[in-house]
Amino acid sequence: MASSEGVVIGCHTVDQWKEQFGKHVDSKKLVVVDFTASWCGPCRVIAPILADLAKKMPHVTFLKVDVDELESVAQEYEVEAMPTFLFLKEGKIVDKVVGAKKDELTGCVEKHAEVVVAA
């Protein structure tokens, strides 16, 4: 079985999206969803940065959704600009970054990927 750690998993059908999303709906594990489009220049710029984050943080799941392929998923999450990154835990949105903002994206991943330890 191929390991999905350290990679950005592309969801090209609604079924693939539901399968990937469903794996983590009850999980405290952070899921980062990159809503992208093949024609989007900033999306192409940020893609290698996202791939690099995925390699560095195998405990985080990174999903990529093409808004033209999965228009219904993009509409469900009210995605209006590309790229849009949604940060999900237990199936709920905990944060959002709109635009190819490397520092903001990295900061959000690091913030939400942290295991919360009570003081």
N, C-alpha and C. Protein backbone atom coordinates (compact mmCIF):
# COMPACT_ATOMS: atom_id res chain seq x y z
N MET A 1 0.84 -1.19 0.00
CA MET A 1 0.00 0.00 0.00
C MET A 1 0.89 1.26 0.00
N ALA A 2 0.58 2.18 -0.87
CA ALA A 2 1.37 3.40 -0.97
C ALA A 2 1.02 4.33 0.20
N SER A 3 2.03 4.95 0.73
CA SER A 3 1.82 5.88 1.83
C SER A 3 1.44 7.24 1.27
N SER A 4 0.49 7.90 1.90
CA SER A 4 0.10 9.23 1.43
C SER A 4 0.79 10.31 2.26
N GLU A 5 1.71 9.89 3.12
CA GLU A 5 2.40 10.88 3.95
C GLU A 5 3.36 11.69 3.10
N GLY A 6 3.38 12.98 3.36
CA GLY A 6 4.33 13.84 2.67
C GLY A 6 3.93 14.19 1.25
N VAL A 7 2.66 13.99 0.91
CA VAL A 7 2.20 14.36 -0.42
C VAL A 7 0.90 15.16 -0.31
N VAL A 8 0.62 15.89 -1.39
CA VAL A 8 -0.65 16.58 -1.50
C VAL A 8 -1.55 15.66 -2.32
N ILE A 9 -2.67 15.27 -1.75
CA ILE A 9 -3.57 14.31 -2.39
C ILE A 9 -4.60 15.07 -3.24
N GLY A 10 -4.58 14.80 -4.53
CA GLY A 10 -5.53 15.44 -5.43
C GLY A 10 -6.87 14.73 -5.39
N CYS A 11 -7.94 15.49 -5.26
CA CYS A 11 -9.29 14.94 -5.30
C CYS A 11 -9.91 15.40 -6.63
N HIS A 12 -10.14 14.44 -7.53
CA HIS A 12 -10.60 14.79 -8.87
C HIS A 12 -12.07 14.46 -9.10
N THR A 13 -12.68 13.74 -8.16
CA THR A 13 -14.12 13.45 -8.26
C THR A 13 -14.74 13.71 -6.90
N VAL A 14 -16.04 13.89 -6.90
CA VAL A 14 -16.75 14.11 -5.64
C VAL A 14 -16.56 12.89 -4.73
N ASP A 15 -16.54 11.70 -5.33
CA ASP A 15 -16.34 10.49 -4.53
C ASP A 15 -14.96 10.48 -3.85
N GLN A 16 -13.93 10.88 -4.60
CA GLN A 16 -12.59 10.95 -4.00
C GLN A 16 -12.58 11.97 -2.85
N TRP A 17 -13.22 13.11 -3.08
CA TRP A 17 -13.30 14.14 -2.04
C TRP A 17 -13.99 13.59 -0.80
N LYS A 18 -15.15 12.93 -1.00
CA LYS A 18 -15.91 12.40 0.13
C LYS A 18 -15.10 11.34 0.87
N GLU A 19 -14.36 10.52 0.12
CA GLU A 19 -13.55 9.48 0.75
C GLU A 19 -12.45 10.10 1.62
N GLN A 20 -11.71 11.06 1.05
CA GLN A 20 -10.62 11.70 1.79
C GLN A 20 -11.16 12.50 2.98
N PHE A 21 -12.21 13.27 2.73
CA PHE A 21 -12.81 14.09 3.78
C PHE A 21 -13.36 13.19 4.88
N GLY A 22 -14.01 12.11 4.49
CA GLY A 22 -14.62 11.18 5.44
C GLY A 22 -13.62 10.51 6.36
N LYS A 23 -12.40 10.31 5.87
CA LYS A 23 -11.35 9.68 6.69
C LYS A 23 -11.00 10.53 7.91
N HIS A 24 -11.24 11.84 7.80
CA HIS A 24 -10.75 12.75 8.84
C HIS A 24 -11.86 13.49 9.58
N VAL A 25 -13.12 13.17 9.27
CA VAL A 25 -14.21 13.94 9.85
C VAL A 25 -14.29 13.78 11.38
N ASP A 26 -13.82 12.65 11.89
CA ASP A 26 -13.82 12.45 13.35
C ASP A 26 -12.42 12.56 13.94
N SER A 27 -11.51 13.08 13.16
CA SER A 27 -10.11 13.11 13.58
C SER A 27 -9.71 14.51 14.03
N LYS A 28 -8.84 14.55 15.03
CA LYS A 28 -8.30 15.84 15.47
C LYS A 28 -7.14 16.26 14.57
N LYS A 29 -6.77 15.37 13.63
CA LYS A 29 -5.68 15.66 12.70
C LYS A 29 -6.07 16.84 11.81
N LEU A 30 -5.12 17.72 11.57
CA LEU A 30 -5.37 18.87 10.71
C LEU A 30 -5.43 18.42 9.25
N VAL A 31 -6.45 18.93 8.54
CA VAL A 31 -6.58 18.71 7.10
C VAL A 31 -6.53 20.09 6.44
N VAL A 32 -5.60 20.26 5.50
CA VAL A 32 -5.48 21.51 4.75
C VAL A 32 -5.99 21.23 3.34
N VAL A 33 -7.00 21.99 2.92
CA VAL A 33 -7.56 21.81 1.58
C VAL A 33 -7.19 23.02 0.73
N ASP A 34 -6.51 22.74 -0.38
CA ASP A 34 -6.11 23.76 -1.33
C ASP A 34 -7.13 23.78 -2.46
N PHE A 35 -7.96 24.84 -2.52
CA PHE A 35 -8.87 25.01 -3.63
C PHE A 35 -8.12 25.77 -4.71
N THR A 36 -7.93 25.14 -5.85
CA THR A 36 -7.05 25.65 -6.89
C THR A 36 -7.73 25.56 -8.25
N ALA A 37 -7.05 26.06 -9.28
CA ALA A 37 -7.54 25.94 -10.65
C ALA A 37 -6.34 25.90 -11.59
N SER A 38 -6.47 25.13 -12.66
CA SER A 38 -5.35 24.95 -13.59
C SER A 38 -4.93 26.28 -14.25
N TRP A 39 -5.88 27.19 -14.40
CA TRP A 39 -5.61 28.47 -15.07
C TRP A 39 -5.12 29.56 -14.12
N CYS A 40 -5.00 29.23 -12.84
CA CYS A 40 -4.68 30.23 -11.81
C CYS A 40 -3.17 30.35 -11.61
N GLY A 41 -2.60 31.50 -12.00
CA GLY A 41 -1.15 31.72 -11.85
C GLY A 41 -0.66 31.63 -10.43
N PRO A 42 -1.28 32.36 -9.48
CA PRO A 42 -0.83 32.29 -8.08
C PRO A 42 -0.91 30.86 -7.51
N CYS A 43 -1.88 30.06 -8.00
CA CYS A 43 -2.00 28.67 -7.54
C CYS A 43 -0.75 27.89 -7.92
N ARG A 44 -0.25 28.12 -9.14
CA ARG A 44 0.95 27.41 -9.59
C ARG A 44 2.18 27.85 -8.80
N VAL A 45 2.19 29.12 -8.39
CA VAL A 45 3.31 29.64 -7.60
C VAL A 45 3.35 29.00 -6.21
N ILE A 46 2.19 28.84 -5.59
CA ILE A 46 2.13 28.34 -4.21
C ILE A 46 2.19 26.81 -4.14
N ALA A 47 1.89 26.12 -5.23
CA ALA A 47 1.83 24.65 -5.23
C ALA A 47 3.11 23.99 -4.70
N PRO A 48 4.32 24.41 -5.15
CA PRO A 48 5.54 23.76 -4.62
C PRO A 48 5.74 24.05 -3.12
N ILE A 49 5.26 25.19 -2.66
CA ILE A 49 5.38 25.54 -1.24
C ILE A 49 4.49 24.62 -0.42
N LEU A 50 3.28 24.36 -0.93
CA LEU A 50 2.36 23.44 -0.27
C LEU A 50 2.96 22.03 -0.25
N ALA A 51 3.53 21.61 -1.37
CA ALA A 51 4.15 20.28 -1.46
C ALA A 51 5.30 20.16 -0.45
N ASP A 52 6.05 21.24 -0.29
CA ASP A 52 7.16 21.26 0.66
C ASP A 52 6.63 21.14 2.10
N LEU A 53 5.55 21.85 2.40
CA LEU A 53 4.93 21.76 3.73
C LEU A 53 4.46 20.33 3.99
N ALA A 54 3.88 19.70 2.96
CA ALA A 54 3.39 18.33 3.10
C ALA A 54 4.54 17.38 3.44
N LYS A 55 5.70 17.59 2.84
CA LYS A 55 6.87 16.75 3.13
C LYS A 55 7.35 16.95 4.57
N LYS A 56 7.33 18.22 5.01
CA LYS A 56 7.84 18.55 6.35
C LYS A 56 6.88 18.15 7.46
N MET A 57 5.60 18.03 7.12
CA MET A 57 4.58 17.79 8.15
C MET A 57 3.72 16.59 7.79
N PRO A 58 4.27 15.38 7.90
CA PRO A 58 3.51 14.19 7.52
C PRO A 58 2.31 13.92 8.43
N HIS A 59 2.25 14.59 9.58
CA HIS A 59 1.13 14.41 10.50
C HIS A 59 -0.07 15.29 10.11
N VAL A 60 0.06 16.05 9.00
CA VAL A 60 -1.03 16.88 8.50
C VAL A 60 -1.44 16.31 7.15
N THR A 61 -2.74 16.27 6.87
CA THR A 61 -3.22 15.80 5.57
C THR A 61 -3.45 17.01 4.66
N PHE A 62 -2.87 16.95 3.47
CA PHE A 62 -3.03 18.03 2.49
C PHE A 62 -3.83 17.51 1.31
N LEU A 63 -4.94 18.17 1.01
CA LEU A 63 -5.79 17.80 -0.11
C LEU A 63 -5.83 18.96 -1.11
N LYS A 64 -5.93 18.61 -2.38
CA LYS A 64 -6.03 19.63 -3.43
C LYS A 64 -7.32 19.39 -4.21
N VAL A 65 -8.10 20.46 -4.37
CA VAL A 65 -9.37 20.38 -5.09
C VAL A 65 -9.35 21.42 -6.22
N ASP A 66 -9.52 20.94 -7.45
CA ASP A 66 -9.63 21.85 -8.59
C ASP A 66 -11.08 22.33 -8.65
N VAL A 67 -11.27 23.65 -8.57
CA VAL A 67 -12.63 24.20 -8.48
C VAL A 67 -13.44 23.95 -9.75
N ASP A 68 -12.76 23.77 -10.88
CA ASP A 68 -13.48 23.48 -12.13
C ASP A 68 -13.93 22.03 -12.17
N GLU A 69 -13.12 21.13 -11.59
CA GLU A 69 -13.49 19.71 -11.54
C GLU A 69 -14.57 19.46 -10.50
N LEU A 70 -14.44 20.12 -9.35
CA LEU A 70 -15.36 19.88 -8.22
C LEU A 70 -16.07 21.18 -7.83
N GLU A 71 -16.80 21.71 -8.79
CA GLU A 71 -17.49 22.98 -8.58
C GLU A 71 -18.43 22.91 -7.38
N SER A 72 -19.11 21.76 -7.20
CA SER A 72 -20.07 21.63 -6.10
C SER A 72 -19.38 21.72 -4.74
N VAL A 73 -18.17 21.16 -4.64
CA VAL A 73 -17.42 21.22 -3.38
C VAL A 73 -16.97 22.66 -3.12
N ALA A 74 -16.49 23.32 -4.16
CA ALA A 74 -16.07 24.73 -4.02
C ALA A 74 -17.25 25.60 -3.59
N GLN A 75 -18.43 25.34 -4.17
CA GLN A 75 -19.61 26.12 -3.80
C GLN A 75 -20.04 25.83 -2.36
N GLU A 76 -19.94 24.57 -1.97
CA GLU A 76 -20.31 24.18 -0.61
C GLU A 76 -19.49 24.95 0.43
N TYR A 77 -18.21 25.19 0.11
CA TYR A 77 -17.32 25.91 1.03
C TYR A 77 -17.21 27.39 0.69
N GLU A 78 -18.06 27.86 -0.22
CA GLU A 78 -18.12 29.28 -0.58
C GLU A 78 -16.76 29.81 -1.00
N VAL A 79 -16.06 29.04 -1.82
CA VAL A 79 -14.76 29.46 -2.33
C VAL A 79 -15.00 30.45 -3.47
N GLU A 80 -14.46 31.65 -3.33
CA GLU A 80 -14.69 32.70 -4.32
C GLU A 80 -13.42 33.15 -5.01
N ALA A 81 -12.27 32.78 -4.48
CA ALA A 81 -11.00 33.19 -5.08
C ALA A 81 -10.01 32.03 -4.99
N MET A 82 -9.07 32.01 -5.93
CA MET A 82 -8.05 30.97 -5.90
C MET A 82 -6.69 31.61 -5.72
N PRO A 83 -5.80 30.95 -4.99
CA PRO A 83 -6.10 29.77 -4.18
C PRO A 83 -6.79 30.14 -2.87
N THR A 84 -7.62 29.24 -2.38
CA THR A 84 -8.19 29.36 -1.04
C THR A 84 -7.78 28.11 -0.28
N PHE A 85 -7.23 28.30 0.90
CA PHE A 85 -6.82 27.18 1.75
C PHE A 85 -7.75 27.13 2.95
N LEU A 86 -8.38 25.99 3.13
CA LEU A 86 -9.23 25.79 4.31
C LEU A 86 -8.51 24.84 5.26
N PHE A 87 -8.60 25.14 6.54
CA PHE A 87 -7.99 24.32 7.58
C PHE A 87 -9.11 23.67 8.36
N LEU A 88 -9.17 22.35 8.33
CA LEU A 88 -10.28 21.62 8.95
C LEU A 88 -9.79 20.70 10.05
N LYS A 89 -10.58 20.64 11.10
CA LYS A 89 -10.38 19.65 12.16
C LYS A 89 -11.76 19.10 12.50
N GLU A 90 -11.84 17.77 12.58
CA GLU A 90 -13.10 17.10 12.88
C GLU A 90 -14.21 17.56 11.92
N GLY A 91 -13.82 17.82 10.66
CA GLY A 91 -14.79 18.20 9.65
C GLY A 91 -15.24 19.65 9.71
N LYS A 92 -14.68 20.43 10.63
CA LYS A 92 -15.10 21.83 10.78
C LYS A 92 -13.96 22.76 10.39
N ILE A 93 -14.32 23.89 9.78
CA ILE A 93 -13.31 24.87 9.38
C ILE A 93 -12.80 25.59 10.62
N VAL A 94 -11.48 25.56 10.80
CA VAL A 94 -10.87 26.26 11.94
C VAL A 94 -10.10 27.50 11.48
N ASP A 95 -9.82 27.58 10.17
CA ASP A 95 -9.11 28.74 9.65
C ASP A 95 -9.20 28.75 8.14
N LYS A 96 -8.81 29.89 7.55
CA LYS A 96 -8.90 30.05 6.09
C LYS A 96 -7.87 31.06 5.65
N VAL A 97 -7.18 30.76 4.55
CA VAL A 97 -6.25 31.71 3.94
C VAL A 97 -6.66 31.85 2.49
N VAL A 98 -6.90 33.09 2.05
CA VAL A 98 -7.26 33.34 0.65
C VAL A 98 -6.09 34.04 -0.02
N GLY A 99 -5.63 33.45 -1.11
CA GLY A 99 -4.51 34.02 -1.85
C GLY A 99 -3.23 33.24 -1.62
N ALA A 100 -2.24 33.50 -2.49
CA ALA A 100 -0.96 32.78 -2.43
C ALA A 100 -0.04 33.47 -1.43
N LYS A 101 -0.42 33.40 -0.16
CA LYS A 101 0.32 34.07 0.91
C LYS A 101 1.14 33.03 1.67
N LYS A 102 2.37 32.87 1.24
CA LYS A 102 3.24 31.81 1.78
C LYS A 102 3.35 31.87 3.30
N ASP A 103 3.65 33.05 3.83
CA ASP A 103 3.88 33.17 5.28
C ASP A 103 2.61 32.89 6.07
N GLU A 104 1.49 33.40 5.57
CA GLU A 104 0.21 33.19 6.27
C GLU A 104 -0.17 31.71 6.23
N LEU A 105 0.04 31.09 5.06
CA LEU A 105 -0.26 29.67 4.89
C LEU A 105 0.59 28.83 5.83
N THR A 106 1.89 29.08 5.82
CA THR A 106 2.81 28.33 6.68
C THR A 106 2.46 28.53 8.15
N GLY A 107 2.17 29.78 8.53
CA GLY A 107 1.82 30.10 9.92
C GLY A 107 0.57 29.38 10.37
N CYS A 108 -0.45 29.33 9.50
CA CYS A 108 -1.70 28.66 9.85
C CYS A 108 -1.49 27.16 10.00
N VAL A 109 -0.70 26.58 9.11
CA VAL A 109 -0.43 25.14 9.20
C VAL A 109 0.27 24.84 10.52
N GLU A 110 1.30 25.62 10.83
CA GLU A 110 2.06 25.39 12.07
C GLU A 110 1.19 25.61 13.30
N LYS A 111 0.35 26.63 13.27
CA LYS A 111 -0.52 26.94 14.42
C LYS A 111 -1.50 25.81 14.70
N HIS A 112 -2.15 25.32 13.64
CA HIS A 112 -3.21 24.33 13.83
C HIS A 112 -2.69 22.90 13.89
N ALA A 113 -1.48 22.67 13.41
CA ALA A 113 -0.92 21.33 13.44
C ALA A 113 -0.38 20.99 14.82
N GLU A 114 -0.19 22.01 15.64
CA GLU A 114 0.33 21.80 16.98
C GLU A 114 -0.60 20.93 17.80
N VAL A 115 -0.01 20.05 18.53
CA VAL A 115 -0.80 19.25 19.46
C VAL A 115 -1.01 20.12 20.70
N VAL A 116 -2.26 20.34 21.03
CA VAL A 116 -2.57 21.23 22.15
C VAL A 116 -2.34 20.49 23.46
N VAL A 117 -1.50 21.08 24.28
CA VAL A 117 -1.20 20.47 25.60
C VAL A 117 -1.69 21.46 26.66
N ALA A 118 -2.52 20.99 27.55
CA ALA A 118 -3.05 21.87 28.61
C ALA A 118 -1.92 22.28 29.55
N ALA A 119 -1.90 23.54 29.88
CA ALA A 119 -0.83 24.07 30.76
C ALA A 119 -1.10 23.69 32.20
